Amino acid sequence: MDVKRLTDDLSVAGQVVPADVPAMSRAGFRALICNRPDGEGTDQPDFREIEVAARTAGIEIRYLPVVSGRVSNADAAAFGALLEDLPTPVLAYCRTGTRSTTLWSLHEGARGRPEPEILAVARAAGYDMTDAIRHLASADGPSKQGSATSPT
C-alpha cells in the first residue's frame, strides 16, 4: 500500500484491505477514514470488513463515503470534523487517495490556509488539487456549483 503524508496528523492512501490494517497499526496510525462508498468497485472490500480489522487492531475508523468527482463543501466540513475528533495520526483512503486529498484541500481552504500552500502540500504527495482549489476560490464554492472535480 502506498501511503502519502500530507501533514504530521494526516496521510492518504488508495484502497485499504483488511490485511493492510496490522501494518497500519505498526506504522502508528490511530484512526482511519474511509472515503470510498461500498460497492464502487467489484474488487474492493466492504467498509465493515475494514472496520472489523481496524477495531481488532485497536484503530478507530469512520465511514465518510464520497462519490468520485462529487466532493462538496459539506463533505469537506464533515471530513474536517472527523479530523478534529479522531486520534492522530489519521490515514484517509479512497480508490487512489485523490478524494481524500480533495476533502483535506477544501477543508484547509475553508479554514483559511493559503491556496499556494495547499497546492504545494498536495503536489508533494503526488496529487494535483488545482481544480478543487479553483472551485473553492469561486464565489459559490463546490456545493453550489455541483462539486469539486477529482478524477477518483
N, C-alpha and C. Protein backbone atom coordinates (compact mmCIF):
# COMPACT_ATOMS: atom_id res chain seq x y z
N MET A 1 0.84 -1.18 0.00
CA MET A 1 0.00 0.00 0.00
C MET A 1 0.88 1.24 0.00
N ASP A 2 0.51 2.20 -0.82
CA ASP A 2 1.29 3.43 -0.99
C ASP A 2 0.66 4.54 -0.14
N VAL A 3 1.25 4.81 1.02
CA VAL A 3 0.77 5.84 1.94
C VAL A 3 1.51 7.13 1.64
N LYS A 4 0.75 8.23 1.52
CA LYS A 4 1.36 9.53 1.24
C LYS A 4 1.00 10.51 2.34
N ARG A 5 2.00 11.11 2.93
CA ARG A 5 1.82 12.02 4.07
C ARG A 5 1.46 13.41 3.57
N LEU A 6 0.37 13.96 4.10
CA LEU A 6 0.01 15.35 3.83
C LEU A 6 0.49 16.25 4.96
N THR A 7 0.25 15.83 6.19
CA THR A 7 0.67 16.59 7.37
C THR A 7 1.17 15.61 8.41
N ASP A 8 1.63 16.13 9.53
CA ASP A 8 2.04 15.24 10.62
C ASP A 8 0.88 14.38 11.11
N ASP A 9 -0.34 14.90 10.98
CA ASP A 9 -1.51 14.22 11.51
C ASP A 9 -2.34 13.47 10.48
N LEU A 10 -2.05 13.65 9.19
CA LEU A 10 -2.89 13.04 8.15
C LEU A 10 -2.06 12.53 6.98
N SER A 11 -2.33 11.28 6.64
CA SER A 11 -1.79 10.67 5.43
C SER A 11 -2.97 10.14 4.62
N VAL A 12 -2.75 9.91 3.33
CA VAL A 12 -3.79 9.38 2.46
C VAL A 12 -3.24 8.17 1.72
N ALA A 13 -4.16 7.35 1.24
CA ALA A 13 -3.77 6.15 0.50
C ALA A 13 -4.92 5.71 -0.38
N GLY A 14 -4.59 4.80 -1.30
CA GLY A 14 -5.61 4.14 -2.08
C GLY A 14 -6.30 3.08 -1.24
N GLN A 15 -7.09 2.26 -1.91
CA GLN A 15 -7.91 1.27 -1.22
C GLN A 15 -7.13 0.45 -0.19
N VAL A 16 -7.70 0.36 0.97
CA VAL A 16 -7.17 -0.46 2.06
C VAL A 16 -7.91 -1.80 2.04
N VAL A 17 -7.19 -2.86 2.34
CA VAL A 17 -7.80 -4.18 2.51
C VAL A 17 -7.53 -4.64 3.94
N PRO A 18 -8.33 -5.55 4.47
CA PRO A 18 -8.15 -5.96 5.86
C PRO A 18 -6.72 -6.39 6.20
N ALA A 19 -6.03 -7.03 5.28
CA ALA A 19 -4.66 -7.49 5.55
C ALA A 19 -3.68 -6.34 5.74
N ASP A 20 -4.05 -5.12 5.28
CA ASP A 20 -3.18 -3.94 5.44
C ASP A 20 -3.22 -3.37 6.86
N VAL A 21 -4.29 -3.63 7.57
CA VAL A 21 -4.53 -2.94 8.85
C VAL A 21 -3.46 -3.21 9.91
N PRO A 22 -2.98 -4.42 10.10
CA PRO A 22 -1.92 -4.61 11.10
C PRO A 22 -0.67 -3.76 10.82
N ALA A 23 -0.30 -3.63 9.55
CA ALA A 23 0.85 -2.79 9.20
C ALA A 23 0.57 -1.32 9.50
N MET A 24 -0.66 -0.89 9.33
CA MET A 24 -1.03 0.49 9.67
C MET A 24 -0.88 0.72 11.16
N SER A 25 -1.30 -0.25 11.93
CA SER A 25 -1.15 -0.14 13.38
C SER A 25 0.33 -0.06 13.76
N ARG A 26 1.14 -0.92 13.17
CA ARG A 26 2.58 -0.89 13.45
C ARG A 26 3.22 0.43 13.01
N ALA A 27 2.67 1.05 11.96
CA ALA A 27 3.19 2.33 11.48
C ALA A 27 2.74 3.49 12.37
N GLY A 28 1.86 3.21 13.33
CA GLY A 28 1.45 4.23 14.28
C GLY A 28 0.13 4.92 14.00
N PHE A 29 -0.57 4.52 12.94
CA PHE A 29 -1.87 5.15 12.68
C PHE A 29 -2.85 4.78 13.77
N ARG A 30 -3.57 5.79 14.25
CA ARG A 30 -4.52 5.57 15.34
C ARG A 30 -5.97 5.63 14.87
N ALA A 31 -6.15 6.10 13.62
CA ALA A 31 -7.51 6.20 13.09
C ALA A 31 -7.49 6.11 11.57
N LEU A 32 -8.61 5.62 11.02
CA LEU A 32 -8.81 5.53 9.58
C LEU A 32 -10.10 6.24 9.22
N ILE A 33 -10.11 6.87 8.04
CA ILE A 33 -11.33 7.42 7.46
C ILE A 33 -11.48 6.81 6.08
N CYS A 34 -12.60 6.14 5.85
CA CYS A 34 -12.90 5.57 4.54
C CYS A 34 -13.75 6.56 3.76
N ASN A 35 -13.24 7.02 2.62
CA ASN A 35 -13.97 7.95 1.76
C ASN A 35 -14.52 7.29 0.50
N ARG A 36 -14.45 5.97 0.44
CA ARG A 36 -14.92 5.26 -0.75
C ARG A 36 -16.24 4.56 -0.45
N PRO A 37 -17.29 4.86 -1.22
CA PRO A 37 -18.57 4.18 -1.00
C PRO A 37 -18.46 2.68 -1.24
N ASP A 38 -19.15 1.91 -0.42
CA ASP A 38 -19.22 0.46 -0.64
C ASP A 38 -19.79 0.20 -2.04
N GLY A 39 -19.26 -0.83 -2.70
CA GLY A 39 -19.78 -1.23 -3.99
C GLY A 39 -19.31 -0.40 -5.17
N GLU A 40 -18.42 0.54 -4.94
CA GLU A 40 -17.94 1.38 -6.04
C GLU A 40 -17.16 0.54 -7.06
N GLY A 41 -16.39 -0.41 -6.56
CA GLY A 41 -15.62 -1.29 -7.44
C GLY A 41 -15.84 -2.73 -7.03
N THR A 42 -15.76 -3.62 -7.98
CA THR A 42 -16.01 -5.03 -7.68
C THR A 42 -14.88 -5.66 -6.88
N ASP A 43 -13.71 -5.02 -6.90
CA ASP A 43 -12.54 -5.59 -6.22
C ASP A 43 -12.32 -5.05 -4.82
N GLN A 44 -13.20 -4.18 -4.34
CA GLN A 44 -12.96 -3.56 -3.03
C GLN A 44 -13.71 -4.29 -1.92
N PRO A 45 -13.11 -4.38 -0.74
CA PRO A 45 -13.83 -4.95 0.40
C PRO A 45 -14.87 -3.95 0.91
N ASP A 46 -15.92 -4.45 1.53
CA ASP A 46 -16.91 -3.58 2.16
C ASP A 46 -16.28 -2.88 3.36
N PHE A 47 -16.84 -1.73 3.71
CA PHE A 47 -16.35 -0.99 4.86
C PHE A 47 -16.34 -1.85 6.11
N ARG A 48 -17.38 -2.65 6.31
CA ARG A 48 -17.49 -3.47 7.53
C ARG A 48 -16.29 -4.40 7.68
N GLU A 49 -15.76 -4.92 6.58
CA GLU A 49 -14.59 -5.79 6.65
C GLU A 49 -13.37 -5.03 7.18
N ILE A 50 -13.20 -3.82 6.69
CA ILE A 50 -12.08 -2.99 7.15
C ILE A 50 -12.31 -2.59 8.60
N GLU A 51 -13.57 -2.28 8.93
CA GLU A 51 -13.91 -1.87 10.30
C GLU A 51 -13.56 -2.97 11.30
N VAL A 52 -13.89 -4.20 10.99
CA VAL A 52 -13.57 -5.32 11.89
C VAL A 52 -12.07 -5.42 12.09
N ALA A 53 -11.31 -5.35 11.01
CA ALA A 53 -9.84 -5.44 11.11
C ALA A 53 -9.28 -4.27 11.91
N ALA A 54 -9.83 -3.07 11.69
CA ALA A 54 -9.33 -1.90 12.41
C ALA A 54 -9.62 -2.01 13.90
N ARG A 55 -10.83 -2.38 14.24
CA ARG A 55 -11.18 -2.49 15.66
C ARG A 55 -10.34 -3.58 16.34
N THR A 56 -10.09 -4.66 15.64
CA THR A 56 -9.24 -5.73 16.18
C THR A 56 -7.83 -5.22 16.45
N ALA A 57 -7.36 -4.31 15.60
CA ALA A 57 -6.01 -3.74 15.74
C ALA A 57 -5.98 -2.54 16.68
N GLY A 58 -7.14 -2.15 17.23
CA GLY A 58 -7.18 -1.01 18.14
C GLY A 58 -7.14 0.33 17.44
N ILE A 59 -7.58 0.36 16.18
CA ILE A 59 -7.59 1.60 15.40
C ILE A 59 -9.04 2.07 15.27
N GLU A 60 -9.28 3.35 15.55
CA GLU A 60 -10.61 3.91 15.33
C GLU A 60 -10.84 4.06 13.84
N ILE A 61 -12.09 3.96 13.42
CA ILE A 61 -12.40 4.06 12.00
C ILE A 61 -13.74 4.74 11.81
N ARG A 62 -13.84 5.56 10.77
CA ARG A 62 -15.08 6.25 10.43
C ARG A 62 -15.34 6.11 8.93
N TYR A 63 -16.61 6.14 8.58
CA TYR A 63 -17.06 5.97 7.19
C TYR A 63 -17.65 7.28 6.71
N LEU A 64 -16.99 7.94 5.77
CA LEU A 64 -17.48 9.16 5.14
C LEU A 64 -17.39 8.97 3.63
N PRO A 65 -18.34 8.19 3.07
CA PRO A 65 -18.27 7.89 1.64
C PRO A 65 -18.59 9.11 0.79
N VAL A 66 -17.79 9.31 -0.24
CA VAL A 66 -17.97 10.42 -1.17
C VAL A 66 -17.87 9.85 -2.58
N VAL A 67 -18.85 10.15 -3.41
CA VAL A 67 -18.84 9.68 -4.79
C VAL A 67 -17.74 10.39 -5.56
N SER A 68 -17.01 9.64 -6.34
CA SER A 68 -15.91 10.19 -7.13
C SER A 68 -16.39 11.36 -7.99
N GLY A 69 -15.65 12.47 -7.93
CA GLY A 69 -15.98 13.65 -8.72
C GLY A 69 -17.09 14.50 -8.15
N ARG A 70 -17.58 14.19 -6.95
CA ARG A 70 -18.70 14.92 -6.37
C ARG A 70 -18.42 15.37 -4.94
N VAL A 71 -17.23 15.81 -4.67
CA VAL A 71 -16.87 16.29 -3.34
C VAL A 71 -17.51 17.66 -3.13
N SER A 72 -18.24 17.82 -2.04
CA SER A 72 -18.92 19.09 -1.75
C SER A 72 -18.29 19.78 -0.54
N ASN A 73 -18.68 21.03 -0.35
CA ASN A 73 -18.23 21.75 0.84
C ASN A 73 -18.70 21.05 2.10
N ALA A 74 -19.91 20.50 2.07
CA ALA A 74 -20.44 19.78 3.24
C ALA A 74 -19.59 18.54 3.53
N ASP A 75 -19.18 17.84 2.48
CA ASP A 75 -18.29 16.68 2.67
C ASP A 75 -16.98 17.11 3.31
N ALA A 76 -16.42 18.22 2.82
CA ALA A 76 -15.15 18.72 3.36
C ALA A 76 -15.30 19.13 4.82
N ALA A 77 -16.43 19.74 5.15
CA ALA A 77 -16.66 20.13 6.55
C ALA A 77 -16.79 18.90 7.44
N ALA A 78 -17.47 17.87 6.95
CA ALA A 78 -17.60 16.63 7.72
C ALA A 78 -16.24 15.96 7.89
N PHE A 79 -15.41 16.00 6.85
CA PHE A 79 -14.06 15.45 6.93
C PHE A 79 -13.26 16.20 7.99
N GLY A 80 -13.35 17.53 7.97
CA GLY A 80 -12.65 18.34 8.97
C GLY A 80 -13.10 18.03 10.38
N ALA A 81 -14.40 17.81 10.56
CA ALA A 81 -14.92 17.46 11.88
C ALA A 81 -14.35 16.13 12.35
N LEU A 82 -14.22 15.17 11.43
CA LEU A 82 -13.61 13.89 11.80
C LEU A 82 -12.16 14.08 12.19
N LEU A 83 -11.44 14.90 11.45
CA LEU A 83 -10.03 15.14 11.78
C LEU A 83 -9.89 15.76 13.17
N GLU A 84 -10.83 16.60 13.54
CA GLU A 84 -10.80 17.23 14.86
C GLU A 84 -11.12 16.22 15.96
N ASP A 85 -11.94 15.24 15.63
CA ASP A 85 -12.46 14.30 16.61
C ASP A 85 -11.60 13.05 16.82
N LEU A 86 -10.92 12.62 15.78
CA LEU A 86 -10.18 11.35 15.83
C LEU A 86 -8.78 11.52 16.41
N PRO A 87 -8.27 10.45 17.02
CA PRO A 87 -6.87 10.50 17.47
C PRO A 87 -5.94 10.48 16.25
N THR A 88 -4.80 11.09 16.39
CA THR A 88 -3.86 11.17 15.28
C THR A 88 -2.65 10.30 15.54
N PRO A 89 -1.98 9.93 14.48
CA PRO A 89 -2.21 10.28 13.08
C PRO A 89 -3.36 9.47 12.47
N VAL A 90 -3.95 10.08 11.43
CA VAL A 90 -5.09 9.51 10.72
C VAL A 90 -4.64 9.12 9.31
N LEU A 91 -5.17 8.02 8.82
CA LEU A 91 -5.00 7.63 7.42
C LEU A 91 -6.37 7.66 6.77
N ALA A 92 -6.54 8.51 5.76
CA ALA A 92 -7.79 8.57 5.00
C ALA A 92 -7.56 7.85 3.67
N TYR A 93 -8.54 7.09 3.24
CA TYR A 93 -8.36 6.36 1.99
C TYR A 93 -9.61 6.37 1.12
N CYS A 94 -9.38 6.18 -0.17
CA CYS A 94 -10.43 6.02 -1.17
C CYS A 94 -9.86 5.08 -2.24
N ARG A 95 -10.18 5.28 -3.50
CA ARG A 95 -9.62 4.38 -4.52
C ARG A 95 -8.15 4.64 -4.76
N THR A 96 -7.79 5.95 -4.89
CA THR A 96 -6.40 6.30 -5.17
C THR A 96 -5.79 7.29 -4.18
N GLY A 97 -6.61 7.84 -3.30
CA GLY A 97 -6.17 8.88 -2.37
C GLY A 97 -6.56 10.27 -2.82
N THR A 98 -7.03 10.41 -4.05
CA THR A 98 -7.37 11.73 -4.58
C THR A 98 -8.57 12.34 -3.86
N ARG A 99 -9.63 11.57 -3.67
CA ARG A 99 -10.81 12.10 -2.97
C ARG A 99 -10.47 12.56 -1.57
N SER A 100 -9.69 11.74 -0.87
CA SER A 100 -9.29 12.10 0.50
C SER A 100 -8.46 13.37 0.49
N THR A 101 -7.58 13.50 -0.49
CA THR A 101 -6.76 14.71 -0.60
C THR A 101 -7.63 15.91 -0.96
N THR A 102 -8.63 15.71 -1.81
CA THR A 102 -9.55 16.79 -2.17
C THR A 102 -10.31 17.26 -0.93
N LEU A 103 -10.80 16.33 -0.14
CA LEU A 103 -11.51 16.70 1.09
C LEU A 103 -10.61 17.52 2.01
N TRP A 104 -9.37 17.07 2.18
CA TRP A 104 -8.42 17.81 3.02
C TRP A 104 -8.17 19.20 2.45
N SER A 105 -7.97 19.29 1.14
CA SER A 105 -7.68 20.57 0.50
C SER A 105 -8.82 21.57 0.70
N LEU A 106 -10.04 21.12 0.47
CA LEU A 106 -11.19 22.02 0.64
C LEU A 106 -11.36 22.42 2.10
N HIS A 107 -11.16 21.48 3.00
CA HIS A 107 -11.25 21.79 4.43
C HIS A 107 -10.20 22.82 4.83
N GLU A 108 -8.97 22.61 4.39
CA GLU A 108 -7.90 23.56 4.71
C GLU A 108 -8.18 24.93 4.12
N GLY A 109 -8.69 24.98 2.90
CA GLY A 109 -9.04 26.26 2.28
C GLY A 109 -10.13 26.98 3.05
N ALA A 110 -11.13 26.23 3.50
CA ALA A 110 -12.21 26.83 4.28
C ALA A 110 -11.71 27.37 5.61
N ARG A 111 -10.63 26.77 6.12
CA ARG A 111 -10.04 27.24 7.37
C ARG A 111 -9.13 28.44 7.15
N GLY A 112 -8.90 28.80 5.90
CA GLY A 112 -8.10 29.99 5.61
C GLY A 112 -6.65 29.72 5.23
N ARG A 113 -6.29 28.47 5.05
CA ARG A 113 -4.91 28.18 4.63
C ARG A 113 -4.71 28.70 3.21
N PRO A 114 -3.61 29.37 2.95
CA PRO A 114 -3.38 29.92 1.61
C PRO A 114 -3.36 28.83 0.53
N GLU A 115 -4.00 29.15 -0.59
CA GLU A 115 -4.10 28.19 -1.69
C GLU A 115 -2.75 27.68 -2.16
N PRO A 116 -1.73 28.54 -2.31
CA PRO A 116 -0.44 28.01 -2.77
C PRO A 116 0.13 26.95 -1.82
N GLU A 117 -0.10 27.11 -0.53
CA GLU A 117 0.38 26.11 0.44
C GLU A 117 -0.36 24.79 0.27
N ILE A 118 -1.67 24.87 0.10
CA ILE A 118 -2.47 23.66 -0.08
C ILE A 118 -2.01 22.92 -1.33
N LEU A 119 -1.86 23.67 -2.42
CA LEU A 119 -1.42 23.05 -3.68
C LEU A 119 -0.04 22.43 -3.55
N ALA A 120 0.86 23.10 -2.85
CA ALA A 120 2.23 22.58 -2.69
C ALA A 120 2.25 21.30 -1.86
N VAL A 121 1.48 21.27 -0.78
CA VAL A 121 1.43 20.06 0.05
C VAL A 121 0.86 18.89 -0.75
N ALA A 122 -0.25 19.15 -1.44
CA ALA A 122 -0.86 18.08 -2.23
C ALA A 122 0.08 17.62 -3.35
N ARG A 123 0.71 18.56 -4.02
CA ARG A 123 1.63 18.22 -5.11
C ARG A 123 2.80 17.38 -4.60
N ALA A 124 3.31 17.72 -3.43
CA ALA A 124 4.43 16.96 -2.85
C ALA A 124 4.03 15.51 -2.57
N ALA A 125 2.74 15.29 -2.33
CA ALA A 125 2.24 13.94 -2.09
C ALA A 125 1.82 13.25 -3.39
N GLY A 126 1.90 13.98 -4.50
CA GLY A 126 1.56 13.38 -5.79
C GLY A 126 0.16 13.66 -6.29
N TYR A 127 -0.50 14.68 -5.74
CA TYR A 127 -1.87 15.00 -6.13
C TYR A 127 -1.96 16.43 -6.64
N ASP A 128 -2.71 16.63 -7.73
CA ASP A 128 -2.94 17.96 -8.28
C ASP A 128 -4.33 18.42 -7.85
N MET A 129 -4.37 19.41 -6.98
CA MET A 129 -5.63 19.91 -6.44
C MET A 129 -6.05 21.23 -7.08
N THR A 130 -5.49 21.57 -8.23
CA THR A 130 -5.78 22.84 -8.88
C THR A 130 -7.27 23.02 -9.11
N ASP A 131 -7.95 22.02 -9.67
CA ASP A 131 -9.39 22.15 -9.94
C ASP A 131 -10.19 22.29 -8.66
N ALA A 132 -9.85 21.53 -7.64
CA ALA A 132 -10.57 21.62 -6.37
C ALA A 132 -10.42 23.01 -5.76
N ILE A 133 -9.21 23.55 -5.80
CA ILE A 133 -8.96 24.88 -5.25
C ILE A 133 -9.66 25.94 -6.08
N ARG A 134 -9.72 25.75 -7.38
CA ARG A 134 -10.42 26.70 -8.25
C ARG A 134 -11.88 26.80 -7.84
N HIS A 135 -12.50 25.66 -7.53
CA HIS A 135 -13.89 25.67 -7.08
C HIS A 135 -14.02 26.38 -5.74
N LEU A 136 -13.07 26.15 -4.86
CA LEU A 136 -13.08 26.81 -3.56
C LEU A 136 -12.98 28.31 -3.72
N ALA A 137 -12.13 28.74 -4.65
CA ALA A 137 -11.89 30.17 -4.85
C ALA A 137 -13.08 30.87 -5.49
N SER A 138 -13.95 30.12 -6.16
CA SER A 138 -15.11 30.74 -6.79
C SER A 138 -16.07 31.23 -5.72
N ALA A 139 -16.89 32.18 -6.08
CA ALA A 139 -17.81 32.77 -5.11
C ALA A 139 -18.81 31.76 -4.57
N ASP A 140 -19.24 30.81 -5.40
CA ASP A 140 -20.26 29.87 -4.98
C ASP A 140 -19.69 28.64 -4.29
N GLY A 141 -18.46 28.26 -4.56
CA GLY A 141 -17.88 27.07 -3.97
C GLY A 141 -18.47 25.81 -4.56
N PRO A 142 -17.91 24.65 -4.22
CA PRO A 142 -18.33 23.41 -4.83
C PRO A 142 -19.77 23.01 -4.56
N SER A 143 -20.31 23.31 -3.38
CA SER A 143 -21.64 22.80 -3.10
C SER A 143 -22.71 23.49 -3.93
N LYS A 144 -22.50 24.73 -4.36
CA LYS A 144 -23.48 25.41 -5.18
C LYS A 144 -23.23 25.20 -6.67
N GLN A 145 -22.00 24.89 -7.04
CA GLN A 145 -21.70 24.64 -8.44
C GLN A 145 -21.84 23.17 -8.78
N GLY A 146 -22.14 22.36 -7.83
CA GLY A 146 -22.27 20.93 -8.06
C GLY A 146 -21.25 20.18 -7.25
N SER A 147 -19.98 20.32 -7.61
CA SER A 147 -18.95 19.60 -6.88
C SER A 147 -17.59 20.04 -7.33
N ALA A 148 -16.62 19.72 -6.51
CA ALA A 148 -15.24 19.89 -6.91
C ALA A 148 -14.90 18.66 -7.74
N THR A 149 -14.26 18.87 -8.86
CA THR A 149 -13.94 17.73 -9.69
C THR A 149 -12.67 17.07 -9.23
N SER A 150 -12.70 15.77 -9.25
CA SER A 150 -11.50 14.99 -8.99
C SER A 150 -11.63 13.71 -9.77
N PRO A 151 -10.55 13.23 -10.36
CA PRO A 151 -10.65 12.07 -11.22
C PRO A 151 -10.96 10.78 -10.49
N THR A 152 -10.73 10.74 -9.18
CA THR A 152 -11.01 9.50 -8.46
C THR A 152 -11.59 9.79 -7.11
